Protein backbone atom coordinates (compact mmCIF):
# COMPACT_ATOMS: atom_id res chain seq x y z
CA UNK A 1 0.08 0.02 -0.04
CA UNK A 2 1.31 3.51 -0.61
CA UNK A 3 -0.20 6.83 -0.18
CA UNK A 4 -0.10 10.52 -1.42
CA UNK A 5 -0.92 13.27 0.95
CA UNK A 6 -2.00 15.97 -2.04
CA UNK A 7 -2.62 18.60 0.82
CA UNK A 8 -3.83 19.48 4.16
CA UNK A 9 -6.59 21.65 3.90
CA UNK A 10 -7.16 22.92 7.78
CA UNK A 11 -6.11 22.13 11.18
CA UNK A 12 -8.56 22.92 13.52
CA UNK A 13 -7.28 23.40 17.48
CA UNK A 14 -11.00 23.95 18.43
CA UNK A 15 -12.06 20.70 16.68
CA UNK A 16 -9.16 18.71 17.26
CA UNK A 17 -8.67 17.36 13.78
CA UNK A 18 -7.20 18.01 10.35
CA UNK A 19 -8.84 17.76 7.00
CA UNK A 20 -6.54 16.08 4.10
CA UNK A 21 -6.98 15.08 0.68
CA UNK A 22 -4.92 11.72 -0.14
CA UNK A 23 -4.09 9.30 -3.30
CA UNK A 24 -4.65 5.72 -1.72
CA UNK A 25 -3.19 3.28 -4.01
CA UNK A 26 -3.61 -0.21 -2.90
CA UNK A 27 -2.00 -3.50 -4.47
CA UNK A 28 -2.86 -6.93 -4.25
CA UNK A 29 -2.91 -10.19 -6.18
CA UNK A 30 -5.48 -12.28 -7.38
CA UNK A 31 -4.51 -15.38 -9.08
CA UNK A 32 -7.89 -15.45 -10.72
CA UNK A 33 -6.96 -12.69 -12.78
CA UNK A 34 -3.63 -13.84 -14.39
CA UNK A 35 -3.15 -13.71 -18.01
CA UNK A 36 -0.68 -14.39 -20.68
CA UNK A 37 1.51 -11.31 -21.90
CA UNK A 38 3.37 -8.31 -20.11
CA UNK A 39 0.86 -6.09 -20.43
CA UNK A 40 -1.34 -3.90 -18.37
CA UNK A 41 -4.74 -2.86 -18.79
CA UNK A 42 -6.89 -0.03 -17.18
CA UNK A 43 -10.54 -0.95 -16.19
CA UNK A 44 -13.50 0.93 -16.48
CA UNK A 45 -13.82 2.05 -12.52
CA UNK A 46 -17.62 0.84 -12.42
CA UNK A 47 -16.15 -2.83 -12.88
CA UNK A 48 -14.63 -2.54 -9.11
CA UNK A 49 -17.94 -3.79 -8.18
CA UNK A 50 -17.22 -7.34 -9.90
CA UNK A 51 -13.67 -7.36 -8.16
CA UNK A 52 -12.74 -8.16 -4.51
CA UNK A 53 -11.19 -5.36 -3.15
CA UNK A 54 -9.79 -4.89 0.69
CA UNK A 55 -12.29 -3.53 2.95
CA UNK A 56 -10.08 -0.96 4.47
CA UNK A 57 -11.36 2.13 6.13
CA UNK A 58 -10.04 5.42 7.77
CA UNK A 59 -9.66 4.96 11.63
CA UNK A 60 -10.88 8.10 13.79
CA UNK A 61 -12.58 9.39 10.53
CA UNK A 62 -15.20 12.27 11.35
CA UNK A 63 -15.96 12.32 7.60
CA UNK A 64 -15.06 11.13 4.65
CA UNK A 65 -15.81 11.14 0.58
CA UNK A 66 -14.67 9.78 -2.43
CA UNK A 67 -14.43 13.00 -5.41
CA UNK A 68 -16.60 12.61 -8.32
CA UNK A 69 -16.24 15.15 -10.50
CA UNK A 70 -16.40 14.64 -12.99
CA UNK A 71 -16.74 11.00 -12.81
CA UNK A 72 -15.83 9.09 -9.68
CA UNK A 73 -12.04 9.40 -9.31
CA UNK A 74 -10.78 5.93 -9.03
CA UNK A 75 -8.66 3.86 -10.78
CA UNK A 76 -8.21 0.24 -11.38
CA UNK A 77 -5.27 -1.43 -13.16
CA UNK A 78 -5.12 -4.65 -13.78
CA UNK A 79 -0.93 -6.43 -14.71
CA UNK A 80 -0.48 -9.90 -16.46
CA UNK A 81 0.79 -11.51 -13.09
CA UNK A 82 -2.74 -10.84 -11.37
CA UNK A 83 -1.94 -7.79 -9.41
CA UNK A 84 -4.43 -5.19 -9.00
CA UNK A 85 -3.58 -1.66 -8.24
CA UNK A 86 -6.86 -0.02 -6.81
CA UNK A 87 -6.20 4.13 -6.84
CA UNK A 88 -8.79 6.52 -4.94
CA UNK A 89 -9.06 10.13 -4.31
CA UNK A 90 -10.23 10.90 -0.92
CA UNK A 91 -10.84 13.94 1.31
CA UNK A 92 -10.95 12.93 4.94
CA UNK A 93 -11.49 15.04 8.43
CA UNK A 94 -9.43 13.04 11.09
CA UNK A 95 -9.29 13.19 14.84
CA UNK A 96 -6.00 14.52 16.07
CA UNK A 97 -5.50 14.79 20.08
CA UNK A 98 -3.85 18.08 20.93
CA UNK A 99 -1.78 19.18 23.85
CA UNK A 100 -2.28 22.80 23.93
CA UNK A 101 -0.50 23.69 27.00
CA UNK A 102 2.39 25.02 25.44
CA UNK A 103 0.37 26.85 22.37
CA UNK A 104 1.53 28.73 20.56
CA UNK A 105 4.89 27.27 20.84
CA UNK A 106 3.71 23.66 20.57
CA UNK A 107 4.28 20.90 18.32
CA UNK A 108 1.31 18.00 17.79
CA UNK A 109 1.71 14.30 16.83
CA UNK A 110 -1.04 13.43 14.50
CA UNK A 111 -1.88 9.84 12.80
CA UNK A 112 -3.45 8.71 9.69
CA UNK A 113 -4.32 5.15 10.29
CA UNK A 114 -5.63 2.61 8.06
CA UNK A 115 -7.09 -0.91 8.76
CA UNK A 116 -9.37 -3.50 7.82
CA UNK A 117 -13.11 -3.58 8.67
CA UNK A 118 -13.92 -7.16 8.29
CA UNK A 119 -10.79 -9.52 7.00
CA UNK A 120 -8.91 -10.20 10.06
CA UNK A 121 -4.75 -10.96 9.62
CA UNK A 122 -5.87 -14.68 8.81
CA UNK A 123 -7.18 -13.21 5.95
CA UNK A 124 -5.46 -9.90 4.95
CA UNK A 125 -1.57 -8.64 5.37
CA UNK A 126 -1.13 -5.04 5.29
CA UNK A 127 2.43 -3.78 4.55
CA UNK A 128 3.85 -0.54 3.22
CA UNK A 129 5.14 -0.94 -0.22
CA UNK A 130 8.47 0.88 0.28
CA UNK A 131 8.39 1.82 4.01
CA UNK A 132 8.69 5.55 4.35
CA UNK A 133 9.20 5.95 0.96
CA UNK A 134 5.52 4.94 0.32
CA UNK A 135 4.58 8.52 1.44
CA UNK A 136 5.03 11.31 -0.69
CA UNK A 137 3.55 14.76 -0.24
CA UNK A 138 4.38 15.77 3.29
CA UNK A 139 7.56 17.34 2.75
CA UNK A 140 6.32 19.50 -0.12
CA UNK A 141 3.47 20.86 2.13
CA UNK A 142 2.67 24.42 2.57
CA UNK A 143 0.75 24.86 5.87
CA UNK A 144 -0.40 28.61 7.15
CA UNK A 145 0.55 27.96 10.63
CA UNK A 146 2.68 24.55 10.53
CA UNK A 147 5.98 23.04 9.57
CA UNK A 148 5.91 19.07 9.35
CA UNK A 149 9.06 18.35 10.96
CA UNK A 150 9.26 14.72 10.00
CA UNK A 151 7.32 11.64 9.53
CA UNK A 152 7.21 7.92 9.45
CA UNK A 153 5.05 4.35 8.78
CA UNK A 154 4.44 1.57 11.02
CA UNK A 155 2.95 -1.60 10.75
CA UNK A 156 0.56 -2.64 13.77
CA UNK A 157 -2.48 -4.59 14.71
CA UNK A 158 -5.94 -3.67 16.39
CA UNK A 159 -7.33 -6.06 18.91
CA UNK A 160 -11.02 -6.14 18.94
CA UNK A 161 -13.47 -8.57 20.48
CA UNK A 162 -13.89 -9.92 17.20
CA UNK A 163 -10.35 -10.86 16.36
CA UNK A 164 -6.84 -8.79 15.42
CA UNK A 165 -7.05 -6.51 12.46
CA UNK A 166 -3.88 -5.45 10.58
CA UNK A 167 -3.28 -1.46 10.56
CA UNK A 168 -0.99 0.56 8.92
CA UNK A 169 -0.11 4.20 10.82
CA UNK A 170 1.30 7.18 9.15
CA UNK A 171 2.51 9.57 11.90
CA UNK A 172 3.73 12.80 11.29
CA UNK A 173 4.65 15.63 13.72
CA UNK A 174 3.59 19.50 13.21
CA UNK A 175 5.39 22.26 14.73
CA UNK A 176 3.64 25.58 14.53
CA UNK A 177 5.02 28.29 13.58
CA UNK A 178 5.39 31.37 16.14
CA UNK A 179 6.32 34.40 13.67
CA UNK A 180 2.20 35.26 13.25
CA UNK A 181 1.89 35.34 17.09
CA UNK A 182 4.70 37.31 17.94
CA UNK A 183 3.71 40.10 15.64
CA UNK A 184 -0.11 39.87 16.70
CA UNK A 185 0.11 39.50 20.44
CA UNK A 186 3.34 39.13 22.24
CA UNK A 187 4.94 42.37 20.73
CA UNK A 188 1.54 44.32 21.23
CA UNK A 189 1.41 43.14 24.83
CA UNK A 190 5.06 44.31 25.51
CA UNK A 191 4.37 47.59 24.36
CA UNK A 192 1.37 48.43 26.31
CA UNK A 193 3.56 47.32 29.56
CA UNK A 194 5.93 49.48 28.45
CA UNK A 195 3.53 52.55 27.74
CA UNK A 196 2.30 51.92 31.13
CA UNK A 197 6.17 52.36 32.51
CA UNK A 198 5.70 56.20 30.78
CA UNK A 199 3.72 57.26 33.90
CA UNK A 200 6.70 56.92 36.41
CA UNK A 201 8.14 59.77 34.47
CA UNK A 202 5.29 62.01 35.13
CA UNK A 203 4.97 63.87 37.97
CA UNK A 204 2.63 62.78 41.16
CA UNK A 205 0.46 66.09 40.74
CA UNK A 206 -0.11 65.30 36.93
CA UNK A 207 -3.46 63.22 38.18
CA UNK A 208 -5.42 63.13 34.61
CA UNK A 209 -2.32 62.18 32.60
CA UNK A 210 -1.40 59.43 34.95
CA UNK A 211 -4.70 58.03 36.14
CA UNK A 212 -5.61 58.07 31.77
CA UNK A 213 -2.40 56.06 30.83
CA UNK A 214 -3.14 53.35 33.49
CA UNK A 215 -6.90 53.24 32.64
CA UNK A 216 -6.09 53.11 29.11
CA UNK A 217 -3.43 50.24 29.10
CA UNK A 218 -5.72 48.08 31.42
CA UNK A 219 -8.21 48.52 29.13
CA UNK A 220 -6.19 47.97 25.92
CA UNK A 221 -4.75 44.81 27.52
CA UNK A 222 -8.34 43.08 28.68
CA UNK A 223 -9.27 43.32 24.84
CA UNK A 224 -6.15 42.04 23.63
CA UNK A 225 -6.45 39.17 25.72
CA UNK A 226 -9.97 38.64 25.22
CA UNK A 227 -9.24 38.48 21.66
CA UNK A 228 -6.81 35.74 21.92
CA UNK A 229 -8.99 33.44 23.52
CA UNK A 230 -12.00 34.10 21.04
CA UNK A 231 -10.31 32.22 18.33
CA UNK A 232 -10.06 29.44 20.44
CA UNK A 233 -13.27 29.59 22.42
CA UNK A 234 -13.70 25.52 22.58
CA UNK A 235 -10.07 25.16 24.28
CA UNK A 236 -10.40 27.60 26.86
CA UNK A 237 -10.25 24.71 29.33
CA UNK A 238 -6.69 24.53 28.73
CA UNK A 239 -4.18 27.22 30.63
CA UNK A 240 -2.02 27.82 27.32
CA UNK A 241 1.21 29.42 27.05
CA UNK A 242 0.01 32.49 25.58
CA UNK A 243 -2.42 33.03 28.57
CA UNK A 244 0.41 32.90 30.73
CA UNK A 245 2.24 35.52 29.16
CA UNK A 246 -1.05 38.17 28.73
CA UNK A 247 -1.43 37.29 32.27
CA UNK A 248 1.97 38.29 33.07
CA UNK A 249 1.60 41.55 31.24
CA UNK A 250 -1.51 42.54 32.43
CA UNK A 251 -0.11 41.92 36.16
CA UNK A 252 2.75 44.54 35.67
CA UNK A 253 0.32 46.83 34.00
CA UNK A 254 -2.27 46.93 36.85
CA UNK A 255 1.05 47.20 39.37
CA UNK A 256 1.67 50.38 37.43
CA UNK A 257 -1.76 51.76 38.62
CA UNK A 258 -1.72 50.88 41.85
CA UNK A 259 1.71 52.06 42.44
CA UNK A 260 0.49 55.38 41.39
CA UNK A 261 -2.45 55.28 43.60
CA UNK A 262 -0.11 54.20 46.26
CA UNK A 263 2.62 57.10 45.76
CA UNK A 264 -0.24 59.60 45.28
CA UNK A 265 -1.94 58.92 48.40
CA UNK A 266 1.13 59.15 50.21
CA UNK A 267 2.07 62.14 48.93
CA UNK A 268 -1.39 63.89 49.84
CA UNK A 269 -1.15 62.29 53.40
CA UNK A 270 2.32 64.00 53.72
CA UNK A 271 0.93 67.28 52.65
CA UNK A 272 -1.79 66.85 55.14
CA UNK A 273 0.67 66.22 58.13
CA UNK A 274 2.36 69.33 57.45
CA UNK A 275 -0.71 71.51 57.36
CA UNK A 276 -2.03 72.33 61.08
CA UNK A 277 -5.81 70.91 61.88
CA UNK A 278 -7.97 73.48 62.36
CA UNK A 279 -9.46 72.56 65.32
CA UNK A 280 -5.74 72.26 66.96
CA UNK A 281 -5.59 75.94 65.78
CA UNK A 282 -8.61 76.68 67.54
CA UNK A 283 -7.90 74.93 70.61
CA UNK A 284 -4.62 76.96 70.63
CA UNK A 285 -6.18 80.27 70.14
CA UNK A 286 -8.60 79.45 73.05
CA UNK A 287 -5.75 78.33 75.46
CA UNK A 288 -3.95 81.77 74.26
CA UNK A 289 -7.10 84.13 75.10
CA UNK A 290 -7.60 82.15 78.42
CA UNK A 291 -3.87 82.95 79.61
CA UNK A 292 -4.13 86.49 78.24
CA UNK A 293 -7.13 87.33 80.20
CA UNK A 294 -6.02 85.19 83.22
CA UNK A 295 -2.63 86.76 83.60
CA UNK A 296 -4.40 90.59 83.24
CA UNK A 297 -6.67 89.75 85.91
CA UNK A 298 -4.29 88.25 88.56
CA UNK A 299 -1.13 91.17 87.77
CA UNK A 300 -3.69 94.21 87.90
CA UNK A 301 -6.80 93.23 90.20
CA UNK A 302 -8.91 95.97 89.15
CA UNK A 303 -11.61 96.58 86.65
CA UNK A 304 -11.78 98.03 83.29
CA UNK A 305 -14.40 100.15 82.61
CA UNK A 306 -15.60 101.53 79.52
CA UNK A 307 -18.19 103.99 78.40
CA UNK A 308 -20.86 101.26 77.83
CA UNK A 309 -18.88 98.03 78.94
CA UNK A 310 -17.43 96.86 81.97
CA UNK A 311 -15.40 93.75 82.54
CA UNK A 312 -14.47 92.58 86.11
CA UNK A 313 -12.70 89.56 87.48
CA UNK A 314 -15.77 88.41 89.16
CA UNK A 315 -17.53 88.47 85.93
CA UNK A 316 -15.03 86.08 84.25
CA UNK A 317 -15.53 82.16 84.85
CA UNK A 318 -12.07 80.65 84.39
CA UNK A 319 -13.57 77.36 83.90
CA UNK A 320 -15.25 77.94 81.06
CA UNK A 321 -12.18 79.24 79.33
CA UNK A 322 -9.76 76.30 80.06
CA UNK A 323 -9.66 73.29 78.29
CA UNK A 324 -11.91 70.52 79.42
CA UNK A 325 -10.46 67.09 80.43
CA UNK A 326 -11.84 64.94 77.87
CA UNK A 327 -10.66 67.01 75.30
CA UNK A 328 -7.01 67.19 76.24
CA UNK A 329 -7.44 63.33 76.25
CA UNK A 330 -8.71 63.12 72.64
CA UNK A 331 -6.06 65.51 71.67
CA UNK A 332 -3.64 63.50 73.33
CA UNK A 333 -5.37 60.19 71.36
CA UNK A 334 -4.92 61.85 68.41
CA UNK A 335 -1.29 62.47 68.28
CA UNK A 336 -0.46 59.37 69.25
CA UNK A 337 -2.66 57.91 66.26
CA UNK A 338 -0.67 60.49 63.77
CA UNK A 339 2.63 58.85 65.13
CA UNK A 340 1.46 55.09 64.77
CA UNK A 341 0.25 56.03 61.24
CA UNK A 342 3.84 57.79 60.48
CA UNK A 343 5.28 54.57 61.06
CA UNK A 344 3.53 53.16 58.19
CA UNK A 345 3.33 56.13 55.55
CA UNK A 346 6.18 56.69 52.94
CA UNK A 347 8.13 59.23 53.92
CA UNK A 348 9.45 60.42 50.54
CA UNK A 349 6.34 59.45 47.92
CA UNK A 350 8.71 60.58 45.06
CA UNK A 351 11.03 57.66 45.73
CA UNK A 352 8.18 55.28 44.87
CA UNK A 353 8.23 56.42 40.81
CA UNK A 354 11.98 56.47 41.29
CA UNK A 355 12.37 52.74 42.58
CA UNK A 356 9.84 51.80 39.96
CA UNK A 357 11.73 53.13 37.21
CA UNK A 358 14.29 50.37 37.88
CA UNK A 359 12.41 47.01 39.44
CA UNK A 360 9.27 47.41 37.20
CA UNK A 361 11.64 46.93 34.12
CA UNK A 362 14.20 44.58 35.88
CA UNK A 363 11.41 42.13 37.06
CA UNK A 364 9.29 41.79 34.03
CA UNK A 365 12.87 41.01 31.88
CA UNK A 366 13.64 38.45 34.48
CA UNK A 367 10.02 36.90 34.04
CA UNK A 368 10.46 37.06 30.37
CA UNK A 369 13.91 34.90 30.64
CA UNK A 370 11.90 32.67 32.58
CA UNK A 371 8.96 32.05 30.37
CA UNK A 372 10.70 32.12 27.06
CA UNK A 373 13.38 29.32 28.36
CA UNK A 374 10.45 27.21 30.08
CA UNK A 375 8.46 26.87 26.87
CA UNK A 376 10.98 26.63 24.43
CA UNK A 377 13.55 24.39 26.17
CA UNK A 378 11.19 22.17 28.57
């Protein structure tokens, strides 16, 4: 048996199958058809109903059909020693179990298996005509996302309840071309991360500018993540390599937005700490007025008369002018709370941006080194 792979029209990760057009050529010898001479005859394809043919079928085929334009694409050639060549042009969709954990840096191993349906190994024997050389066309295939790395043929048996059936296996390895995904996903996501770092060079007072950069990059990254997953909607159960990278980029972009929130909050708290509270100012004013009046009263011990107002030491209630005990306790507690909060407050908020300029790119490069090393070499 020999096989020509004319084309592989599609490889679907969502359905985990591939569609290929093949030329299947089968040879067998029927002693009843021996005739004298050295010639061979090409017979009408309709005569296949009068001949014995092997009941070969494609294992794990989801759907297949025989081409019939303009007539049924079948060839029957009879040789003088009774050998029959039976060729078919078939388009089939075959299941291919894929491991997409390293997508788009993955390599898939697919199979095309031919097996006898009813005749067991006691009735027929399947062999490749010339081993690996029996398969043609794979080395010339040009696929949109894949490259055929290697292929080889196997002869096996399928053990069923009704017996042991001969099976021929063509196994081929497909390596995905990553350049398309680098240009479509990896480069834009990396540039979005770098764009989020621009906010570190903008002053903390520029709230609209920094907020706009942070929110825009977060939304753009979210759109990019949704777009990458929509193309493989049925395989979202896999945590793919591209999902990991997009998650890393989203974390760095969101981290840059959180960094500004922390730095701006620390800056506003520092400015508020420098300005004395209004309540404390009023209390100090009341204390000063009380001290002045008490000192005036004790030193002069006399009445101060005006034309219409008379103030005497007997009319002044010093208890009303002094601070109450609970107000003093309240002020002490407030001061202690400010001291405790001060331990957890960033003393110089501008240093947050200064360190972020160095740490964010450094950690992002380190994560990229580990990411690419793991998915390319492990």
